[in-house]
PDB file of N, CA and C in Angstrom:
ATOM      1  N   MET A   1     103.033 136.567 207.688  1.00  0.00           N
ATOM      2  CA  MET A   1     102.297 136.096 208.793  1.00  0.00           C
ATOM      3  C   MET A   1     102.202 134.562 208.857  1.00  0.00           C
ATOM      4  N   THR A   2     102.222 133.926 207.598  1.00  0.00           N
ATOM      5  CA  THR A   2     102.240 132.509 207.632  1.00  0.00           C
ATOM      6  C   THR A   2     103.336 131.874 208.233  1.00  0.00           C
ATOM      7  N   ALA A   3     104.532 132.357 208.028  1.00  0.00           N
ATOM      8  CA  ALA A   3     105.680 131.772 208.672  1.00  0.00           C
ATOM      9  C   ALA A   3     105.651 132.005 210.263  1.00  0.00           C
ATOM     10  N   ALA A   4     105.170 133.125 210.593  1.00  0.00           N
ATOM     11  CA  ALA A   4     104.935 133.402 212.001  1.00  0.00           C
ATOM     12  C   ALA A   4     103.968 132.455 212.708  1.00  0.00           C
ATOM     13  N   TRP A   5     102.831 132.146 212.059  1.00  0.00           N
ATOM     14  CA  TRP A   5     101.838 131.315 212.701  1.00  0.00           C
ATOM     15  C   TRP A   5     102.303 129.865 212.651  1.00  0.00           C
ATOM     16  N   LEU A   6     103.048 129.518 211.644  1.00  0.00           N
ATOM     17  CA  LEU A   6     103.676 128.082 211.598  1.00  0.00           C
ATOM     18  C   LEU A   6     104.637 127.987 212.836  1.00  0.00           C
ATOM     19  N   ALA A   7     105.386 128.953 213.100  1.00  0.00           N
ATOM     20  CA  ALA A   7     106.312 128.921 214.227  1.00  0.00           C
ATOM     21  C   ALA A   7     105.486 128.867 215.517  1.00  0.00           C
ATOM     22  N   VAL A   8     104.440 129.574 215.592  1.00  0.00           N
ATOM     23  CA  VAL A   8     103.638 129.534 216.794  1.00  0.00           C
ATOM     24  C   VAL A   8     103.125 128.062 216.913  1.00  0.00           C
ATOM     25  N   ALA A   9     102.581 127.560 215.794  1.00  0.00           N
ATOM     26  CA  ALA A   9     102.059 126.200 215.914  1.00  0.00           C
ATOM     27  C   ALA A   9     103.007 125.119 216.431  1.00  0.00           C
ATOM     28  N   ALA A  10     104.294 125.362 216.032  1.00  0.00           N
ATOM     29  CA  ALA A  10     105.293 124.472 216.533  1.00  0.00           C
ATOM     30  C   ALA A  10     105.811 124.663 217.911  1.00  0.00           C
ATOM     31  N   ASN A  11     105.397 125.786 218.490  1.00  0.00           N
ATOM     32  CA  ASN A  11     105.859 126.062 219.852  1.00  0.00           C
ATOM     33  C   ASN A  11     105.108 125.328 220.946  1.00  0.00           C
ATOM     34  N   PRO A  12     105.849 124.431 221.670  1.00  0.00           N
ATOM     35  CA  PRO A  12     105.125 123.580 222.714  1.00  0.00           C
ATOM     36  C   PRO A  12     104.633 124.364 223.916  1.00  0.00           C
ATOM     37  N   LEU A  13     105.020 125.549 224.040  1.00  0.00           N
ATOM     38  CA  LEU A  13     104.510 126.363 225.179  1.00  0.00           C
ATOM     39  C   LEU A  13     103.168 127.143 224.840  1.00  0.00           C
ATOM     40  N   VAL A  14     102.715 126.980 223.537  1.00  0.00           N
ATOM     41  CA  VAL A  14     101.361 127.594 223.196  1.00  0.00           C
ATOM     42  C   VAL A  14     100.316 126.443 223.070  1.00  0.00           C
ATOM     43  N   ASP A  15      99.206 126.704 223.748  1.00  0.00           N
ATOM     44  CA  ASP A  15      98.091 125.763 223.731  1.00  0.00           C
ATOM     45  C   ASP A  15      96.962 126.329 222.871  1.00  0.00           C
ATOM     46  N   ILE A  16      96.704 127.610 222.903  1.00  0.00           N
ATOM     47  CA  ILE A  16      95.572 128.316 222.254  1.00  0.00           C
ATOM     48  C   ILE A  16      96.064 129.408 221.389  1.00  0.00           C
ATOM     49  N   ILE A  17      95.491 129.429 220.190  1.00  0.00           N
ATOM     50  CA  ILE A  17      95.784 130.387 219.167  1.00  0.00           C
ATOM     51  C   ILE A  17      94.739 131.576 219.259  1.00  0.00           C
ATOM     52  N   GLY A  18      95.125 132.700 219.700  1.00  0.00           N
ATOM     53  CA  GLY A  18      94.160 133.781 219.843  1.00  0.00           C
ATOM     54  C   GLY A  18      94.313 134.812 218.786  1.00  0.00           C
ATOM     55  N   HIS A  19      93.167 135.507 218.475  1.00  0.00           N
ATOM     56  CA  HIS A  19      93.146 136.595 217.500  1.00  0.00           C
ATOM     57  C   HIS A  19      93.671 136.288 216.128  1.00  0.00           C
ATOM     58  N   CYS A  20      93.670 135.056 215.750  1.00  0.00           N
ATOM     59  CA  CYS A  20      94.252 134.785 214.422  1.00  0.00           C
ATOM     60  C   CYS A  20      93.375 135.240 213.245  1.00  0.00           C
ATOM     61  N   GLY A  21      92.073 135.548 213.531  1.00  0.00           N
ATOM     62  CA  GLY A  21      91.263 136.106 212.505  1.00  0.00           C
ATOM     63  C   GLY A  21      91.414 137.528 212.140  1.00  0.00           C
ATOM     64  N   THR A  22      92.214 138.184 212.872  1.00  0.00           N
ATOM     65  CA  THR A  22      92.376 139.656 212.665  1.00  0.00           C
ATOM     66  C   THR A  22      92.792 139.899 211.244  1.00  0.00           C
ATOM     67  N   ASP A  23      91.926 140.747 210.514  1.00  0.00           N
ATOM     68  CA  ASP A  23      92.133 140.938 209.039  1.00  0.00           C
ATOM     69  C   ASP A  23      93.477 141.623 208.716  1.00  0.00           C
ATOM     70  N   LYS A  24      94.080 142.418 209.568  1.00  0.00           N
ATOM     71  CA  LYS A  24      95.300 143.041 209.263  1.00  0.00           C
ATOM     72  C   LYS A  24      96.480 142.084 209.149  1.00  0.00           C
ATOM     73  N   TYR A  25      96.310 140.940 209.718  1.00  0.00           N
ATOM     74  CA  TYR A  25      97.441 139.920 209.733  1.00  0.00           C
ATOM     75  C   TYR A  25      96.934 138.545 209.082  1.00  0.00           C
ATOM     76  N   ALA A  26      96.279 138.701 207.951  1.00  0.00           N
ATOM     77  CA  ALA A  26      95.881 137.462 207.240  1.00  0.00           C
ATOM     78  C   ALA A  26      97.017 136.550 206.884  1.00  0.00           C
ATOM     79  N   PHE A  27      96.754 135.301 206.804  1.00  0.00           N
ATOM     80  CA  PHE A  27      97.812 134.337 206.440  1.00  0.00           C
ATOM     81  C   PHE A  27      97.203 133.269 205.620  1.00  0.00           C
ATOM     82  N   ASP A  28      98.102 132.306 205.175  1.00  0.00           N
ATOM     83  CA  ASP A  28      97.584 131.231 204.308  1.00  0.00           C
ATOM     84  C   ASP A  28      96.892 130.183 205.224  1.00  0.00           C
ATOM     85  N   TYR A  29      95.576 130.512 205.347  1.00  0.00           N
ATOM     86  CA  TYR A  29      94.748 129.610 206.222  1.00  0.00           C
ATOM     87  C   TYR A  29      94.847 128.164 205.908  1.00  0.00           C
ATOM     88  N   GLU A  30      94.739 127.837 204.620  1.00  0.00           N
ATOM     89  CA  GLU A  30      94.681 126.415 204.163  1.00  0.00           C
ATOM     90  C   GLU A  30      96.012 125.739 204.546  1.00  0.00           C
ATOM     91  N   ARG A  31      97.009 126.479 204.601  1.00  0.00           N
ATOM     92  CA  ARG A  31      98.364 125.826 205.012  1.00  0.00           C
ATOM     93  C   ARG A  31      98.491 125.715 206.639  1.00  0.00           C
ATOM     94  N   VAL A  32      98.050 126.785 207.267  1.00  0.00           N
ATOM     95  CA  VAL A  32      98.346 126.856 208.711  1.00  0.00           C
ATOM     96  C   VAL A  32      97.236 126.146 209.578  1.00  0.00           C
ATOM     97  N   ILE A  33      95.976 126.253 209.346  1.00  0.00           N
ATOM     98  CA  ILE A  33      95.060 125.652 210.155  1.00  0.00           C
ATOM     99  C   ILE A  33      95.238 124.155 210.359  1.00  0.00           C
ATOM    100  N   PRO A  34      95.480 123.367 209.260  1.00  0.00           N
ATOM    101  CA  PRO A  34      95.807 121.988 209.588  1.00  0.00           C
ATOM    102  C   PRO A  34      96.981 121.746 210.448  1.00  0.00           C
ATOM    103  N   GLU A  35      97.894 122.652 210.363  1.00  0.00           N
ATOM    104  CA  GLU A  35      99.168 122.556 211.161  1.00  0.00           C
ATOM    105  C   GLU A  35      98.831 122.786 212.645  1.00  0.00           C
ATOM    106  N   PHE A  36      97.850 123.804 212.899  1.00  0.00           N
ATOM    107  CA  PHE A  36      97.400 124.041 214.200  1.00  0.00           C
ATOM    108  C   PHE A  36      96.842 122.703 214.910  1.00  0.00           C
ATOM    109  N   GLY A  37      96.031 122.047 213.990  1.00  0.00           N
ATOM    110  CA  GLY A  37      95.444 120.764 214.499  1.00  0.00           C
ATOM    111  C   GLY A  37      96.556 119.723 214.742  1.00  0.00           C
ATOM    112  N   ARG A  38      97.377 119.570 213.812  1.00  0.00           N
ATOM    113  CA  ARG A  38      98.470 118.572 213.919  1.00  0.00           C
ATOM    114  C   ARG A  38      99.282 118.766 215.147  1.00  0.00           C
ATOM    115  N   CYS A  39      99.456 120.017 215.517  1.00  0.00           N
ATOM    116  CA  CYS A  39     100.239 120.405 216.640  1.00  0.00           C
ATOM    117  C   CYS A  39      99.403 120.402 218.061  1.00  0.00           C
ATOM    118  N   GLY A  40      98.179 120.142 217.908  1.00  0.00           N
ATOM    119  CA  GLY A  40      97.317 120.093 219.086  1.00  0.00           C
ATOM    120  C   GLY A  40      96.860 121.414 219.577  1.00  0.00           C
ATOM    121  N   LYS A  41      96.858 122.447 218.770  1.00  0.00           N
ATOM    122  CA  LYS A  41      96.468 123.792 219.247  1.00  0.00           C
ATOM    123  C   LYS A  41      94.936 123.876 219.058  1.00  0.00           C
ATOM    124  N   VAL A  42      94.422 124.839 219.948  1.00  0.00           N
ATOM    125  CA  VAL A  42      93.012 125.173 219.933  1.00  0.00           C
ATOM    126  C   VAL A  42      92.965 126.545 219.454  1.00  0.00           C
ATOM    127  N   VAL A  43      91.980 126.816 218.516  1.00  0.00           N
ATOM    128  CA  VAL A  43      91.875 128.136 217.869  1.00  0.00           C
ATOM    129  C   VAL A  43      90.669 128.899 218.621  1.00  0.00           C
ATOM    130  N   GLU A  44      90.984 130.144 218.864  1.00  0.00           N
ATOM    131  CA  GLU A  44      89.967 130.902 219.639  1.00  0.00           C
ATOM    132  C   GLU A  44      89.086 131.506 218.529  1.00  0.00           C
ATOM    133  N   ILE A  45      87.796 131.642 218.900  1.00  0.00           N
ATOM    134  CA  ILE A  45      86.816 132.362 218.151  1.00  0.00           C
ATOM    135  C   ILE A  45      86.468 133.533 219.098  1.00  0.00           C
ATOM    136  N   ASN A  46      86.865 134.737 218.733  1.00  0.00           N
ATOM    137  CA  ASN A  46      86.844 135.827 219.700  1.00  0.00           C
ATOM    138  C   ASN A  46      85.580 136.743 219.389  1.00  0.00           C
ATOM    139  N   GLU A  47      84.742 136.780 220.368  1.00  0.00           N
ATOM    140  CA  GLU A  47      83.473 137.577 220.315  1.00  0.00           C
ATOM    141  C   GLU A  47      83.633 138.989 219.868  1.00  0.00           C
ATOM    142  N   SER A  48      84.731 139.622 220.307  1.00  0.00           N
ATOM    143  CA  SER A  48      84.934 141.004 220.073  1.00  0.00           C
ATOM    144  C   SER A  48      85.213 141.262 218.612  1.00  0.00           C
ATOM    145  N   SER A  49      85.552 140.227 217.852  1.00  0.00           N
ATOM    146  CA  SER A  49      85.812 140.360 216.383  1.00  0.00           C
ATOM    147  C   SER A  49      84.435 140.872 215.708  1.00  0.00           C
ATOM    148  N   PHE A  50      83.325 140.504 216.352  1.00  0.00           N
ATOM    149  CA  PHE A  50      82.043 140.824 215.611  1.00  0.00           C
ATOM    150  C   PHE A  50      81.637 142.252 215.870  1.00  0.00           C
ATOM    151  N   SER A  51      82.215 142.933 216.896  1.00  0.00           N
ATOM    152  CA  SER A  51      81.807 144.282 217.199  1.00  0.00           C
ATOM    153  C   SER A  51      82.951 145.253 217.002  1.00  0.00           C
ATOM    154  N   CYS A  52      84.168 144.892 217.316  1.00  0.00           N
ATOM    155  CA  CYS A  52      85.257 145.795 217.223  1.00  0.00           C
ATOM    156  C   CYS A  52      86.032 145.661 215.967  1.00  0.00           C
ATOM    157  N   ARG A  53      86.023 144.433 215.324  1.00  0.00           N
ATOM    158  CA  ARG A  53      86.901 144.228 214.180  1.00  0.00           C
ATOM    159  C   ARG A  53      86.005 143.567 213.128  1.00  0.00           C
ATOM    160  N   ALA A  54      84.995 144.216 212.660  1.00  0.00           N
ATOM    161  CA  ALA A  54      84.101 143.707 211.624  1.00  0.00           C
ATOM    162  C   ALA A  54      84.786 143.148 210.372  1.00  0.00           C
ATOM    163  N   PRO A  55      85.849 143.898 209.871  1.00  0.00           N
ATOM    164  CA  PRO A  55      86.477 143.275 208.690  1.00  0.00           C
ATOM    165  C   PRO A  55      87.151 141.878 208.895  1.00  0.00           C
ATOM    166  N   SER A  56      87.194 141.479 210.210  1.00  0.00           N
ATOM    167  CA  SER A  56      87.728 140.182 210.609  1.00  0.00           C
ATOM    168  C   SER A  56      86.803 139.072 210.433  1.00  0.00           C
ATOM    169  N   ILE A  57      85.448 139.362 210.286  1.00  0.00           N
ATOM    170  CA  ILE A  57      84.494 138.322 210.345  1.00  0.00           C
ATOM    171  C   ILE A  57      84.570 137.349 209.247  1.00  0.00           C
ATOM    172  N   PRO A  58      84.766 137.803 208.016  1.00  0.00           N
ATOM    173  CA  PRO A  58      84.964 136.756 207.038  1.00  0.00           C
ATOM    174  C   PRO A  58      86.132 135.844 207.238  1.00  0.00           C
ATOM    175  N   HIS A  59      87.301 136.388 207.751  1.00  0.00           N
ATOM    176  CA  HIS A  59      88.445 135.613 208.105  1.00  0.00           C
ATOM    177  C   HIS A  59      88.085 134.499 209.228  1.00  0.00           C
ATOM    178  N   CYS A  60      87.307 134.945 210.175  1.00  0.00           N
ATOM    179  CA  CYS A  60      86.990 134.072 211.291  1.00  0.00           C
ATOM    180  C   CYS A  60      86.116 133.015 210.647  1.00  0.00           C
ATOM    181  N   ARG A  61      85.170 133.290 209.719  1.00  0.00           N
ATOM    182  CA  ARG A  61      84.347 132.298 209.172  1.00  0.00           C
ATOM    183  C   ARG A  61      85.208 131.258 208.406  1.00  0.00           C
ATOM    184  N   THR A  62      86.157 131.735 207.642  1.00  0.00           N
ATOM    185  CA  THR A  62      87.029 130.878 206.822  1.00  0.00           C
ATOM    186  C   THR A  62      87.740 129.960 207.804  1.00  0.00           C
ATOM    187  N   ILE A  63      88.362 130.599 208.838  1.00  0.00           N
ATOM    188  CA  ILE A  63      89.154 129.739 209.850  1.00  0.00           C
ATOM    189  C   ILE A  63      88.232 128.704 210.466  1.00  0.00           C
ATOM    190  N   LEU A  64      87.048 129.095 210.784  1.00  0.00           N
ATOM    191  CA  LEU A  64      86.134 128.104 211.361  1.00  0.00           C
ATOM    192  C   LEU A  64      85.772 126.901 210.465  1.00  0.00           C
ATOM    193  N   GLN A  65      85.589 127.280 209.171  1.00  0.00           N
ATOM    194  CA  GLN A  65      85.183 126.322 208.116  1.00  0.00           C
ATOM    195  C   GLN A  65      86.396 125.333 207.985  1.00  0.00           C
ATOM    196  N   LEU A  66      87.666 125.877 207.989  1.00  0.00           N
ATOM    197  CA  LEU A  66      88.842 124.992 208.001  1.00  0.00           C
ATOM    198  C   LEU A  66      89.041 124.137 209.148  1.00  0.00           C
ATOM    199  N   CYS A  67      88.708 124.755 210.286  1.00  0.00           N
ATOM    200  CA  CYS A  67      88.843 124.000 211.540  1.00  0.00           C
ATOM    201  C   CYS A  67      87.906 122.755 211.547  1.00  0.00           C
ATOM    202  N   LYS A  68      86.669 123.006 211.004  1.00  0.00           N
ATOM    203  CA  LYS A  68      85.646 121.937 210.849  1.00  0.00           C
ATOM    204  C   LYS A  68      86.234 120.897 209.916  1.00  0.00           C
ATOM    205  N   LYS A  69      86.714 121.358 208.707  1.00  0.00           N
ATOM    206  CA  LYS A  69      87.199 120.442 207.661  1.00  0.00           C
ATOM    207  C   LYS A  69      88.314 119.543 208.240  1.00  0.00           C
ATOM    208  N   HIS A  70      89.253 120.160 209.023  1.00  0.00           N
ATOM    209  CA  HIS A  70      90.451 119.458 209.439  1.00  0.00           C
ATOM    210  C   HIS A  70      90.358 118.940 210.888  1.00  0.00           C
ATOM    211  N   GLY A  71      89.239 119.100 211.487  1.00  0.00           N
ATOM    212  CA  GLY A  71      88.957 118.436 212.893  1.00  0.00           C
ATOM    213  C   GLY A  71      89.879 119.307 213.899  1.00  0.00           C
ATOM    214  N   VAL A  72      90.040 120.543 213.707  1.00  0.00           N
ATOM    215  CA  VAL A  72      90.838 121.404 214.655  1.00  0.00           C
ATOM    216  C   VAL A  72      89.800 122.019 215.743  1.00  0.00           C
ATOM    217  N   ARG A  73      90.227 121.761 216.941  1.00  0.00           N
ATOM    218  CA  ARG A  73      89.348 122.262 218.014  1.00  0.00           C
ATOM    219  C   ARG A  73      89.386 123.793 218.142  1.00  0.00           C
ATOM    220  N   VAL A  74      88.239 124.278 218.663  1.00  0.00           N
ATOM    221  CA  VAL A  74      88.237 125.814 218.915  1.00  0.00           C
ATOM    222  C   VAL A  74      87.643 125.988 220.345  1.00  0.00           C
ATOM    223  N   THR A  75      87.812 127.217 220.796  1.00  0.00           N
ATOM    224  CA  THR A  75      87.282 127.724 222.035  1.00  0.00           C
ATOM    225  C   THR A  75      86.597 129.076 221.764  1.00  0.00           C
ATOM    226  N   LEU A  76      85.501 129.277 222.459  1.00  0.00           N
ATOM    227  CA  LEU A  76      84.763 130.550 222.274  1.00  0.00           C
ATOM    228  C   LEU A  76      85.187 131.475 223.480  1.00  0.00           C
ATOM    229  N   ASP A  77      85.483 132.693 223.076  1.00  0.00           N
ATOM    230  CA  ASP A  77      85.924 133.620 224.112  1.00  0.00           C
ATOM    231  C   ASP A  77      85.250 135.017 223.998  1.00  0.00           C
ATOM    232  N   SER A  78      84.768 135.539 225.006  1.00  0.00           N
ATOM    233  CA  SER A  78      84.091 136.775 225.089  1.00  0.00           C
ATOM    234  C   SER A  78      84.981 137.944 224.876  1.00  0.00           C
ATOM    235  N   ASP A  79      86.285 137.810 225.286  1.00  0.00           N
ATOM    236  CA  ASP A  79      87.168 138.933 225.234  1.00  0.00           C
ATOM    237  C   ASP A  79      86.619 140.078 225.892  1.00  0.00           C
ATOM    238  N   ALA A  80      85.964 139.857 226.984  1.00  0.00           N
ATOM    239  CA  ALA A  80      85.174 140.951 227.674  1.00  0.00           C
ATOM    240  C   ALA A  80      86.104 142.125 228.194  1.00  0.00           C
ATOM    241  N   HIS A  81      85.666 143.255 228.011  1.00  0.00           N
ATOM    242  CA  HIS A  81      86.351 144.466 228.492  1.00  0.00           C
ATOM    243  C   HIS A  81      85.481 145.131 229.577  1.00  0.00           C
ATOM    244  N   PHE A  82      84.390 144.331 229.970  1.00  0.00           N
ATOM    245  CA  PHE A  82      83.497 144.918 231.088  1.00  0.00           C
ATOM    246  C   PHE A  82      82.837 143.677 231.706  1.00  0.00           C
ATOM    247  N   CYS A  83      82.573 143.681 232.930  1.00  0.00           N
ATOM    248  CA  CYS A  83      82.144 142.577 233.708  1.00  0.00           C
ATOM    249  C   CYS A  83      80.845 141.915 233.237  1.00  0.00           C
ATOM    250  N   THR A  84      79.977 142.705 232.775  1.00  0.00           N
ATOM    251  CA  THR A  84      78.686 142.132 232.229  1.00  0.00           C
ATOM    252  C   THR A  84      78.859 141.404 230.914  1.00  0.00           C
ATOM    253  N   ALA A  85      79.889 141.516 230.243  1.00  0.00           N
ATOM    254  CA  ALA A  85      80.158 140.813 229.049  1.00  0.00           C
ATOM    255  C   ALA A  85      80.936 139.479 229.160  1.00  0.00           C
ATOM    256  N   VAL A  86      81.364 139.253 230.349  1.00  0.00           N
ATOM    257  CA  VAL A  86      82.164 138.001 230.609  1.00  0.00           C
ATOM    258  C   VAL A  86      81.370 136.808 230.230  1.00  0.00           C
ATOM    259  N   GLY A  87      81.929 135.947 229.335  1.00  0.00           N
ATOM    260  CA  GLY A  87      81.146 134.689 228.999  1.00  0.00           C
ATOM    261  C   GLY A  87      79.999 134.889 227.924  1.00  0.00           C
ATOM    262  N   ALA A  88      79.831 136.157 227.522  1.00  0.00           N
ATOM    263  CA  ALA A  88      78.790 136.260 226.483  1.00  0.00           C
ATOM    264  C   ALA A  88      79.406 136.120 225.076  1.00  0.00           C
ATOM    265  N   VAL A  89      78.866 135.164 224.435  1.00  0.00           N
ATOM    266  CA  VAL A  89      79.429 134.802 223.071  1.00  0.00           C
ATOM    267  C   VAL A  89      78.290 134.536 222.035  1.00  0.00           C
ATOM    268  N   PRO A  90      77.270 135.377 222.010  1.00  0.00           N
ATOM    269  CA  PRO A  90      76.120 135.116 221.091  1.00  0.00           C
ATOM    270  C   PRO A  90      76.494 135.107 219.606  1.00  0.00           C
ATOM    271  N   ARG A  91      77.280 136.041 219.195  1.00  0.00           N
ATOM    272  CA  ARG A  91      77.572 136.006 217.742  1.00  0.00           C
ATOM    273  C   ARG A  91      78.537 134.938 217.348  1.00  0.00           C
ATOM    274  N   SER A  92      79.386 134.523 218.268  1.00  0.00           N
ATOM    275  CA  SER A  92      80.298 133.404 218.075  1.00  0.00           C
ATOM    276  C   SER A  92      79.495 132.018 217.977  1.00  0.00           C
ATOM    277  N   LEU A  93      78.511 131.955 218.832  1.00  0.00           N
ATOM    278  CA  LEU A  93      77.566 130.779 218.733  1.00  0.00           C
ATOM    279  C   LEU A  93      76.737 130.787 217.553  1.00  0.00           C
ATOM    280  N   GLN A  94      76.368 131.975 217.027  1.00  0.00           N
ATOM    281  CA  GLN A  94      75.521 132.000 215.828  1.00  0.00           C
ATOM    282  C   GLN A  94      76.364 131.541 214.660  1.00  0.00           C
ATOM    283  N   LEU A  95      77.666 132.023 214.571  1.00  0.00           N
ATOM    284  CA  LEU A  95      78.560 131.517 213.522  1.00  0.00           C
ATOM    285  C   LEU A  95      78.738 130.030 213.541  1.00  0.00           C
ATOM    286  N   LEU A  96      78.858 129.440 214.717  1.00  0.00           N
ATOM    287  CA  LEU A  96      79.051 128.039 214.834  1.00  0.00           C
ATOM    288  C   LEU A  96      77.784 127.319 214.293  1.00  0.00           C
ATOM    289  N   ARG A  97      76.629 127.776 214.617  1.00  0.00           N
ATOM    290  CA  ARG A  97      75.308 127.330 214.104  1.00  0.00           C
ATOM    291  C   ARG A  97      75.307 127.376 212.600  1.00  0.00           C
ATOM    292  N   GLU A  98      75.619 128.639 212.065  1.00  0.00           N
ATOM    293  CA  GLU A  98      75.630 128.835 210.621  1.00  0.00           C
ATOM    294  C   GLU A  98      76.507 127.833 209.846  1.00  0.00           C
ATOM    295  N   GLU A  99      77.625 127.525 210.436  1.00  0.00           N
ATOM    296  CA  GLU A  99      78.693 126.660 209.811  1.00  0.00           C
ATOM    297  C   GLU A  99      78.396 125.216 210.250  1.00  0.00           C
ATOM    298  N   ASP A 100      77.351 124.864 210.957  1.00  0.00           N
ATOM    299  CA  ASP A 100      77.052 123.455 211.475  1.00  0.00           C
ATOM    300  C   ASP A 100      78.330 122.901 212.050  1.00  0.00           C
ATOM    301  N   PHE A 101      79.034 123.686 213.005  1.00  0.00           N
ATOM    302  CA  PHE A 101      80.308 123.310 213.585  1.00  0.00           C
ATOM    303  C   PHE A 101      80.020 122.224 214.618  1.00  0.00           C
ATOM    304  N   PRO A 102      80.734 121.149 214.625  1.00  0.00           N
ATOM    305  CA  PRO A 102      80.490 120.044 215.572  1.00  0.00           C
ATOM    306  C   PRO A 102      80.808 120.379 217.025  1.00  0.00           C
ATOM    307  N   THR A 103      79.956 120.229 217.836  1.00  0.00           N
ATOM    308  CA  THR A 103      80.040 120.603 219.361  1.00  0.00           C
ATOM    309  C   THR A 103      81.223 119.906 219.945  1.00  0.00           C
ATOM    310  N   GLU A 104      81.596 118.631 219.421  1.00  0.00           N
ATOM    311  CA  GLU A 104      82.696 117.910 220.027  1.00  0.00           C
ATOM    312  C   GLU A 104      84.079 118.610 219.769  1.00  0.00           C
ATOM    313  N   LEU A 105      84.090 119.451 218.888  1.00  0.00           N
ATOM    314  CA  LEU A 105      85.379 120.331 218.570  1.00  0.00           C
ATOM    315  C   LEU A 105      85.499 121.591 219.311  1.00  0.00           C
ATOM    316  N   VAL A 106      84.521 121.877 220.231  1.00  0.00           N
ATOM    317  CA  VAL A 106      84.426 123.067 220.978  1.00  0.00           C
ATOM    318  C   VAL A 106      84.851 122.780 222.394  1.00  0.00           C
ATOM    319  N   VAL A 107      86.128 123.144 222.709  1.00  0.00           N
ATOM    320  CA  VAL A 107      86.550 122.657 224.068  1.00  0.00           C
ATOM    321  C   VAL A 107      85.870 123.144 225.246  1.00  0.00           C
ATOM    322  N   ASN A 108      85.289 124.323 225.143  1.00  0.00           N
ATOM    323  CA  ASN A 108      84.494 124.940 226.234  1.00  0.00           C
ATOM    324  C   ASN A 108      82.996 124.898 225.901  1.00  0.00           C
ATOM    325  N   ALA A 109      82.572 123.875 225.246  1.00  0.00           N
ATOM    326  CA  ALA A 109      81.041 123.707 224.975  1.00  0.00           C
ATOM    327  C   ALA A 109      80.321 123.312 226.186  1.00  0.00           C
ATOM    328  N   GLY A 110      81.113 122.689 227.142  1.00  0.00           N
ATOM    329  CA  GLY A 110      80.505 122.140 228.454  1.00  0.00           C
ATOM    330  C   GLY A 110      81.495 121.703 229.295  1.00  0.00           C
ATOM    331  N   ARG A 111      81.069 121.440 230.514  1.00  0.00           N
ATOM    332  CA  ARG A 111      82.071 121.012 231.575  1.00  0.00           C
ATOM    333  C   ARG A 111      82.751 119.755 231.191  1.00  0.00           C
ATOM    334  N   GLU A 112      82.072 118.690 230.555  1.00  0.00           N
ATOM    335  CA  GLU A 112      82.686 117.570 230.258  1.00  0.00           C
ATOM    336  C   GLU A 112      83.793 117.765 229.217  1.00  0.00           C
ATOM    337  N   GLN A 113      83.518 118.550 228.285  1.00  0.00           N
ATOM    338  CA  GLN A 113      84.616 118.836 227.241  1.00  0.00           C
ATOM    339  C   GLN A 113      85.743 119.558 227.835  1.00  0.00           C
ATOM    340  N   LEU A 114      85.436 120.622 228.700  1.00  0.00           N
ATOM    341  CA  LEU A 114      86.553 121.297 229.307  1.00  0.00           C
ATOM    342  C   LEU A 114      87.346 120.439 230.174  1.00  0.00           C
ATOM    343  N   ASP A 115      86.779 119.557 231.051  1.00  0.00           N
ATOM    344  CA  ASP A 115      87.427 118.646 231.886  1.00  0.00           C
ATOM    345  C   ASP A 115      88.398 117.728 231.114  1.00  0.00           C
ATOM    346  N   ALA A 116      87.831 117.312 229.966  1.00  0.00           N
ATOM    347  CA  ALA A 116      88.664 116.342 229.067  1.00  0.00           C
ATOM    348  C   ALA A 116      89.889 117.087 228.525  1.00  0.00           C
ATOM    349  N   TYR A 117      89.627 118.284 228.103  1.00  0.00           N
ATOM    350  CA  TYR A 117      90.741 119.156 227.569  1.00  0.00           C
ATOM    351  C   TYR A 117      91.830 119.279 228.623  1.00  0.00           C
ATOM    352  N   PHE A 118      91.470 119.753 229.844  1.00  0.00           N
ATOM    353  CA  PHE A 118      92.317 119.972 230.917  1.00  0.00           C
ATOM    354  C   PHE A 118      93.040 118.715 231.313  1.00  0.00           C
ATOM    355  N   SER A 119      92.356 117.601 231.343  1.00  0.00           N
ATOM    356  CA  SER A 119      92.942 116.337 231.646  1.00  0.00           C
ATOM    357  C   SER A 119      94.065 116.009 230.644  1.00  0.00           C
ATOM    358  N   GLU A 120      93.710 116.243 229.407  1.00  0.00           N
ATOM    359  CA  GLU A 120      94.674 115.886 228.295  1.00  0.00           C
ATOM    360  C   GLU A 120      95.945 116.865 228.514  1.00  0.00           C
ATOM    361  N   LYS A 121      95.866 117.932 228.971  1.00  0.00           N
ATOM    362  CA  LYS A 121      96.920 118.816 229.203  1.00  0.00           C
ATOM    363  C   LYS A 121      97.670 118.733 230.484  1.00  0.00           C
ATOM    364  N   GLY A 122      97.104 117.745 231.354  1.00  0.00           N
ATOM    365  CA  GLY A 122      97.665 117.517 232.765  1.00  0.00           C
ATOM    366  C   GLY A 122      97.332 118.643 233.695  1.00  0.00           C
ATOM    367  N   ILE A 123      96.170 119.369 233.417  1.00  0.00           N
ATOM    368  CA  ILE A 123      95.799 120.426 234.365  1.00  0.00           C
ATOM    369  C   ILE A 123      94.744 119.866 235.275  1.00  0.00           C
ATOM    370  N   GLU A 124      94.924 120.039 236.563  1.00  0.00           N
ATOM    371  CA  GLU A 124      93.987 119.711 237.600  1.00  0.00           C
ATOM    372  C   GLU A 124      93.241 120.925 238.018  1.00  0.00           C
ATOM    373  N   TRP A 125      91.928 120.932 238.150  1.00  0.00           N
ATOM    374  CA  TRP A 125      91.168 122.050 238.690  1.00  0.00           C
ATOM    375  C   TRP A 125      89.966 121.622 239.393  1.00  0.00           C
TER     376      TRP A 125
END
């Protein structure tokens, strides 16, 4: 999986890395997370991991710690499968608080950060 994620990091068509904390597909986080940052990728913190994939939680924590260490941006995602869950990320937010994760590294922490990210990518909205 390490080689696969390194290839994804190098792919210019990929902007956001999703579901990389899935425990079944663990990889060399110390090697790959800095590469995500170097290549300008944003790492998704998936809320569903906390309820549907509990074995993934320690992996998500490690990934978040390495994102903080290496200045890699993240985005929080509800991964909602029902309309009332859209945008709900309470456990992801709790994890960010526990890890004292810097708000400036969360691309969807607020409108200003999201606007800056879209502007960087040349996306008008």
